[in-house]
Amino acid sequence: MCVALIGGMDRLERNYIDEAERLGIDLKVYTKSETGIASKVKNVDAVVIFTNKVSHKAKREVMNTAKAKNIPVFMYHSCGVCTLRDCLSCLKTN
């Protein structure tokens, strides 16, 4: 399973990836606004957006792509490792 994480803190990127690996999930982390972010998330199984650490433009692009490709999107206001762990654990059980 491949999940894209949009937003979050740069300093926690390694922790996000380690947590996903422990659960057997391939995580792609995009903490900064990037050119063509929508094309980078169009082949993932799910998208997690940390809404307090992402630009409105990036969120809009990702949401439009996810809607067009029927990709589930999970949005959380906090951007901690525990929040990501809880979300990924729910994805693994479904």
Foldseek 3Di string as FASTA:
>chain_A
DEEEEEAADPVCPVVLCVLCVVVVYHYHYDRDDDPPVLVVGLPGQAYEYQVCRHDPVSVVSNVVSCVVNVHYYHYHPDRDSVVSNVVVVVVSVD
